[in-house]
Amino acid sequence: MGSYAGVQKIAARRIGVPLEAYLARIEAAEKWCDRCKTWRPIGAFGEDRTRGDGRDAKCKECRRSLYRAYYMPKERPPHRPCYSPGGNPQSARVRIYQRIKRGELPHPNMLACCDCGHIWSEGQTRHEYDHTHGYEPANALTVEAVCTRCHNRRGRERGTHIRKHGSNGRFSHGCHNH
């Protein structure tokens, strides 16, 4: 690459102005836009650390028009609800936990068990919310506070209880005969 003075001469010749006029514009904090072919204030150009003056070759306005011209919107999948229409246990539980966090529902340990009347205290069986009418979206917020023992009993009665069996530690639904 040549000297800095040589680079300035070439730049002035490329845009078609005498070297003195080119240097006067640079001194006045202006820059030539390669796209719209006009002199603009140096602040109208974005940063580009790879260039000698640290500024982009095109002004921000021209850069935006280029982006708009070549922009291709992404095709997005259709919006999905946060829960499945058939009832999703995990999303129903999340909705309950969110309401507890926001203070719209009390923590289940603060309530007596609906079945046996057990009142929770430190070190005892914790309480949980049971989705009494299933996990369908319409019933996802219909819950009762029960202790863990009563919750397991309700699950066994409904045939939805998940239990560990054997020493292998595998889980299975209580409705299967093993």
C-alpha atoms as a PDB file:
ATOM      1  CA  MET A   1       0.000   0.000   0.000  1.00  0.00           C
ATOM      2  CA  GLY A   2       1.229   3.517  -0.705  1.00  0.00           C
ATOM      3  CA  SER A   3       1.681   6.533   1.507  1.00  0.00           C
ATOM      4  CA  TYR A   4      -1.207   8.275   3.287  1.00  0.00           C
ATOM      5  CA  ALA A   5      -0.849  11.258   0.917  1.00  0.00           C
ATOM      6  CA  GLY A   6      -1.085   8.921  -2.069  1.00  0.00           C
ATOM      7  CA  VAL A   7      -4.222   7.307  -0.676  1.00  0.00           C
ATOM      8  CA  GLN A   8      -5.835  10.736  -0.261  1.00  0.00           C
ATOM      9  CA  LYS A   9      -4.951  11.711  -3.865  1.00  0.00           C
ATOM     10  CA  ILE A  10      -6.539   8.532  -5.190  1.00  0.00           C
ATOM     11  CA  ALA A  11      -9.672   9.067  -3.070  1.00  0.00           C
ATOM     12  CA  ALA A  12     -10.018  12.674  -4.313  1.00  0.00           C
ATOM     13  CA  ARG A  13      -9.572  11.585  -7.945  1.00  0.00           C
ATOM     14  CA  ARG A  14     -12.082   8.714  -7.491  1.00  0.00           C
ATOM     15  CA  ILE A  15     -14.877  11.087  -6.413  1.00  0.00           C
ATOM     16  CA  GLY A  16     -13.860  13.764  -8.941  1.00  0.00           C
ATOM     17  CA  VAL A  17     -12.711  16.705  -6.769  1.00  0.00           C
ATOM     18  CA  PRO A  18      -9.344  18.449  -6.448  1.00  0.00           C
ATOM     19  CA  LEU A  19      -7.108  17.270  -3.595  1.00  0.00           C
ATOM     20  CA  GLU A  20      -7.386  20.638  -1.773  1.00  0.00           C
ATOM     21  CA  ALA A  21     -11.209  20.520  -1.793  1.00  0.00           C
ATOM     22  CA  TYR A  22     -11.099  16.909  -0.601  1.00  0.00           C
ATOM     23  CA  LEU A  23      -8.762  17.768   2.304  1.00  0.00           C
ATOM     24  CA  ALA A  24     -10.921  20.805   3.246  1.00  0.00           C
ATOM     25  CA  ARG A  25     -14.005  18.541   3.541  1.00  0.00           C
ATOM     26  CA  ILE A  26     -12.098  16.014   5.655  1.00  0.00           C
ATOM     27  CA  GLU A  27     -10.845  18.882   7.876  1.00  0.00           C
ATOM     28  CA  ALA A  28     -14.483  20.080   8.266  1.00  0.00           C
ATOM     29  CA  ALA A  29     -15.433  16.622   9.701  1.00  0.00           C
ATOM     30  CA  GLU A  30     -17.287  15.488   6.576  1.00  0.00           C
ATOM     31  CA  LYS A  31     -17.142  12.194   4.712  1.00  0.00           C
ATOM     32  CA  TRP A  32     -18.116  11.080   1.198  1.00  0.00           C
ATOM     33  CA  CYS A  33     -20.904   8.478   1.009  1.00  0.00           C
ATOM     34  CA  ASP A  34     -20.104   5.844  -1.608  1.00  0.00           C
ATOM     35  CA  ARG A  35     -23.782   5.075  -2.206  1.00  0.00           C
ATOM     36  CA  CYS A  36     -25.588   8.420  -2.389  1.00  0.00           C
ATOM     37  CA  LYS A  37     -22.478  10.248  -3.704  1.00  0.00           C
ATOM     38  CA  THR A  38     -22.782  13.242  -1.336  1.00  0.00           C
ATOM     39  CA  TRP A  39     -20.737  14.768   1.471  1.00  0.00           C
ATOM     40  CA  ARG A  40     -22.264  14.217   4.884  1.00  0.00           C
ATOM     41  CA  PRO A  41     -21.244  15.012   8.474  1.00  0.00           C
ATOM     42  CA  ILE A  42     -19.021  12.337   9.976  1.00  0.00           C
ATOM     43  CA  GLY A  43     -21.743  11.545  12.567  1.00  0.00           C
ATOM     44  CA  ALA A  44     -24.023  10.298   9.762  1.00  0.00           C
ATOM     45  CA  PHE A  45     -21.759   7.245   9.314  1.00  0.00           C
ATOM     46  CA  GLY A  46     -21.715   4.156  11.467  1.00  0.00           C
ATOM     47  CA  GLU A  47     -18.599   2.734  13.069  1.00  0.00           C
ATOM     48  CA  ASP A  48     -16.371   0.332  11.150  1.00  0.00           C
ATOM     49  CA  ARG A  49     -13.142  -0.506  12.920  1.00  0.00           C
ATOM     50  CA  THR A  50     -11.678  -2.177   9.836  1.00  0.00           C
ATOM     51  CA  ARG A  51     -11.514   1.102   7.901  1.00  0.00           C
ATOM     52  CA  GLY A  52      -8.731   3.672   8.246  1.00  0.00           C
ATOM     53  CA  ASP A  53     -10.982   6.465   9.556  1.00  0.00           C
ATOM     54  CA  GLY A  54     -13.048   4.088  11.711  1.00  0.00           C
ATOM     55  CA  ARG A  55     -16.294   4.935   9.872  1.00  0.00           C
ATOM     56  CA  ASP A  56     -18.471   3.029   7.411  1.00  0.00           C
ATOM     57  CA  ALA A  57     -18.202   3.812   3.669  1.00  0.00           C
ATOM     58  CA  LYS A  58     -21.991   4.334   3.382  1.00  0.00           C
ATOM     59  CA  CYS A  59     -24.038   6.722   5.508  1.00  0.00           C
ATOM     60  CA  LYS A  60     -26.565   5.262   7.953  1.00  0.00           C
ATOM     61  CA  GLU A  61     -29.478   6.357   5.772  1.00  0.00           C
ATOM     62  CA  CYS A  62     -28.129   4.501   2.728  1.00  0.00           C
ATOM     63  CA  ARG A  63     -27.252   1.471   4.864  1.00  0.00           C
ATOM     64  CA  ARG A  64     -30.863   1.336   6.130  1.00  0.00           C
ATOM     65  CA  SER A  65     -32.269   1.565   2.613  1.00  0.00           C
ATOM     66  CA  LEU A  66     -30.022  -1.333   1.565  1.00  0.00           C
ATOM     67  CA  TYR A  67     -31.217  -3.448   4.489  1.00  0.00           C
ATOM     68  CA  ARG A  68     -34.839  -2.696   3.645  1.00  0.00           C
ATOM     69  CA  ALA A  69     -34.316  -3.564  -0.025  1.00  0.00           C
ATOM     70  CA  TYR A  70     -32.795  -6.970   0.750  1.00  0.00           C
ATOM     71  CA  TYR A  71     -34.843  -7.846   3.835  1.00  0.00           C
ATOM     72  CA  MET A  72     -36.626 -11.165   3.599  1.00  0.00           C
ATOM     73  CA  PRO A  73     -39.045 -11.809   6.477  1.00  0.00           C
ATOM     74  CA  LYS A  74     -38.628 -15.176   8.154  1.00  0.00           C
ATOM     75  CA  GLU A  75     -41.527 -17.525   7.946  1.00  0.00           C
ATOM     76  CA  ARG A  76     -42.554 -18.156  11.520  1.00  0.00           C
ATOM     77  CA  PRO A  77     -44.553 -21.127  12.723  1.00  0.00           C
ATOM     78  CA  PRO A  78     -48.109 -20.371  13.818  1.00  0.00           C
ATOM     79  CA  HIS A  79     -48.580 -19.391  17.456  1.00  0.00           C
ATOM     80  CA  ARG A  80     -49.023 -22.354  19.756  1.00  0.00           C
ATOM     81  CA  PRO A  81     -50.888 -22.102  23.038  1.00  0.00           C
ATOM     82  CA  CYS A  82     -48.828 -22.724  26.168  1.00  0.00           C
ATOM     83  CA  TYR A  83     -50.841 -25.858  26.864  1.00  0.00           C
ATOM     84  CA  SER A  84     -52.133 -28.642  24.670  1.00  0.00           C
ATOM     85  CA  PRO A  85     -55.875 -28.927  24.040  1.00  0.00           C
ATOM     86  CA  GLY A  86     -56.001 -32.456  25.500  1.00  0.00           C
ATOM     87  CA  GLY A  87     -54.523 -31.365  28.798  1.00  0.00           C
ATOM     88  CA  ASN A  88     -50.857 -31.224  29.605  1.00  0.00           C
ATOM     89  CA  PRO A  89     -49.963 -31.988  33.244  1.00  0.00           C
ATOM     90  CA  GLN A  90     -46.702 -30.078  33.121  1.00  0.00           C
ATOM     91  CA  SER A  91     -48.190 -26.849  31.758  1.00  0.00           C
ATOM     92  CA  ALA A  92     -51.118 -27.106  34.211  1.00  0.00           C
ATOM     93  CA  ARG A  93     -48.633 -27.413  37.098  1.00  0.00           C
ATOM     94  CA  VAL A  94     -46.604 -24.474  35.780  1.00  0.00           C
ATOM     95  CA  ARG A  95     -49.735 -22.321  35.671  1.00  0.00           C
ATOM     96  CA  ILE A  96     -50.419 -23.174  39.331  1.00  0.00           C
ATOM     97  CA  TYR A  97     -46.808 -22.455  40.362  1.00  0.00           C
ATOM     98  CA  GLN A  98     -46.965 -19.097  38.576  1.00  0.00           C
ATOM     99  CA  ARG A  99     -50.090 -18.151  40.510  1.00  0.00           C
ATOM    100  CA  ILE A 100     -48.435 -19.145  43.793  1.00  0.00           C
ATOM    101  CA  LYS A 101     -45.398 -17.027  42.899  1.00  0.00           C
ATOM    102  CA  ARG A 102     -47.595 -14.006  42.094  1.00  0.00           C
ATOM    103  CA  GLY A 103     -49.514 -14.454  45.351  1.00  0.00           C
ATOM    104  CA  GLU A 104     -52.821 -15.321  43.670  1.00  0.00           C
ATOM    105  CA  LEU A 105     -52.862 -18.741  45.356  1.00  0.00           C
ATOM    106  CA  PRO A 106     -51.496 -19.561  48.811  1.00  0.00           C
ATOM    107  CA  HIS A 107     -48.697 -22.099  49.075  1.00  0.00           C
ATOM    108  CA  PRO A 108     -50.311 -25.526  49.666  1.00  0.00           C
ATOM    109  CA  ASN A 109     -48.381 -25.960  52.946  1.00  0.00           C
ATOM    110  CA  MET A 110     -50.319 -22.998  54.329  1.00  0.00           C
ATOM    111  CA  LEU A 111     -53.624 -24.872  53.895  1.00  0.00           C
ATOM    112  CA  ALA A 112     -55.010 -27.909  55.678  1.00  0.00           C
ATOM    113  CA  CYS A 113     -55.340 -31.138  53.688  1.00  0.00           C
ATOM    114  CA  CYS A 114     -58.817 -31.349  52.123  1.00  0.00           C
ATOM    115  CA  ASP A 115     -59.059 -35.090  52.776  1.00  0.00           C
ATOM    116  CA  CYS A 116     -57.585 -35.791  56.229  1.00  0.00           C
ATOM    117  CA  GLY A 117     -57.337 -32.273  57.692  1.00  0.00           C
ATOM    118  CA  HIS A 118     -53.564 -32.567  58.263  1.00  0.00           C
ATOM    119  CA  ILE A 119     -51.902 -29.244  59.069  1.00  0.00           C
ATOM    120  CA  TRP A 120     -48.345 -28.883  57.811  1.00  0.00           C
ATOM    121  CA  SER A 121     -45.462 -28.061  60.140  1.00  0.00           C
ATOM    122  CA  GLU A 122     -41.670 -28.121  59.702  1.00  0.00           C
ATOM    123  CA  GLY A 123     -40.336 -31.646  59.146  1.00  0.00           C
ATOM    124  CA  GLN A 124     -43.714 -33.213  58.356  1.00  0.00           C
ATOM    125  CA  THR A 125     -45.362 -34.390  55.155  1.00  0.00           C
ATOM    126  CA  ARG A 126     -45.599 -31.514  52.705  1.00  0.00           C
ATOM    127  CA  HIS A 127     -48.795 -30.478  50.954  1.00  0.00           C
ATOM    128  CA  GLU A 128     -49.390 -30.331  47.196  1.00  0.00           C
ATOM    129  CA  TYR A 129     -52.113 -29.114  44.897  1.00  0.00           C
ATOM    130  CA  ASP A 130     -54.116 -31.897  43.260  1.00  0.00           C
ATOM    131  CA  HIS A 131     -55.786 -31.254  39.907  1.00  0.00           C
ATOM    132  CA  THR A 132     -59.113 -32.768  40.919  1.00  0.00           C
ATOM    133  CA  HIS A 133     -60.835 -32.421  37.526  1.00  0.00           C
ATOM    134  CA  GLY A 134     -57.888 -33.306  35.291  1.00  0.00           C
ATOM    135  CA  TYR A 135     -55.409 -31.233  33.323  1.00  0.00           C
ATOM    136  CA  GLU A 136     -57.637 -29.920  30.522  1.00  0.00           C
ATOM    137  CA  PRO A 137     -57.200 -26.170  30.000  1.00  0.00           C
ATOM    138  CA  ALA A 138     -60.687 -25.411  31.316  1.00  0.00           C
ATOM    139  CA  ASN A 139     -59.932 -27.279  34.567  1.00  0.00           C
ATOM    140  CA  ALA A 140     -56.210 -26.551  34.915  1.00  0.00           C
ATOM    141  CA  LEU A 141     -56.826 -24.099  37.758  1.00  0.00           C
ATOM    142  CA  THR A 142     -59.270 -26.297  39.667  1.00  0.00           C
ATOM    143  CA  VAL A 143     -57.064 -27.628  42.451  1.00  0.00           C
ATOM    144  CA  GLU A 144     -57.266 -28.738  46.073  1.00  0.00           C
ATOM    145  CA  ALA A 145     -54.498 -28.702  48.675  1.00  0.00           C
ATOM    146  CA  VAL A 146     -53.781 -32.204  49.966  1.00  0.00           C
ATOM    147  CA  CYS A 147     -50.929 -33.806  51.884  1.00  0.00           C
ATOM    148  CA  THR A 148     -48.558 -36.063  49.939  1.00  0.00           C
ATOM    149  CA  ARG A 149     -50.090 -39.249  51.354  1.00  0.00           C
ATOM    150  CA  CYS A 150     -53.614 -38.247  50.311  1.00  0.00           C
ATOM    151  CA  HIS A 151     -52.341 -37.099  46.917  1.00  0.00           C
ATOM    152  CA  ASN A 152     -50.753 -40.522  46.325  1.00  0.00           C
ATOM    153  CA  ARG A 153     -53.938 -42.256  47.474  1.00  0.00           C
ATOM    154  CA  ARG A 154     -56.028 -40.149  45.070  1.00  0.00           C
ATOM    155  CA  GLY A 155     -53.642 -41.024  42.241  1.00  0.00           C
ATOM    156  CA  ARG A 156     -53.927 -44.746  42.996  1.00  0.00           C
ATOM    157  CA  GLU A 157     -57.726 -44.478  43.038  1.00  0.00           C
ATOM    158  CA  ARG A 158     -57.736 -42.658  39.689  1.00  0.00           C
ATOM    159  CA  GLY A 159     -55.132 -45.029  38.237  1.00  0.00           C
ATOM    160  CA  THR A 160     -52.722 -42.187  37.486  1.00  0.00           C
ATOM    161  CA  HIS A 161     -50.330 -42.601  40.403  1.00  0.00           C
ATOM    162  CA  ILE A 162     -46.666 -42.822  39.431  1.00  0.00           C
ATOM    163  CA  ARG A 163     -44.689 -45.099  41.691  1.00  0.00           C
ATOM    164  CA  LYS A 164     -41.203 -46.504  41.896  1.00  0.00           C
ATOM    165  CA  HIS A 165     -41.062 -50.267  41.900  1.00  0.00           C
ATOM    166  CA  GLY A 166     -38.223 -52.666  42.509  1.00  0.00           C
ATOM    167  CA  SER A 167     -34.613 -51.837  43.207  1.00  0.00           C
ATOM    168  CA  ASN A 168     -34.000 -50.641  39.639  1.00  0.00           C
ATOM    169  CA  GLY A 169     -35.554 -47.268  40.478  1.00  0.00           C
ATOM    170  CA  ARG A 170     -37.735 -47.173  37.367  1.00  0.00           C
ATOM    171  CA  PHE A 171     -41.023 -45.332  37.422  1.00  0.00           C
ATOM    172  CA  SER A 172     -44.278 -46.695  36.143  1.00  0.00           C
ATOM    173  CA  HIS A 173     -47.901 -45.662  36.249  1.00  0.00           C
ATOM    174  CA  GLY A 174     -49.916 -47.429  38.912  1.00  0.00           C
ATOM    175  CA  CYS A 175     -52.593 -48.373  36.397  1.00  0.00           C
ATOM    176  CA  HIS A 176     -50.334 -51.053  34.857  1.00  0.00           C
ATOM    177  CA  ASN A 177     -50.186 -54.489  36.384  1.00  0.00           C
ATOM    178  CA  HIS A 178     -46.582 -55.552  36.933  1.00  0.00           C
END
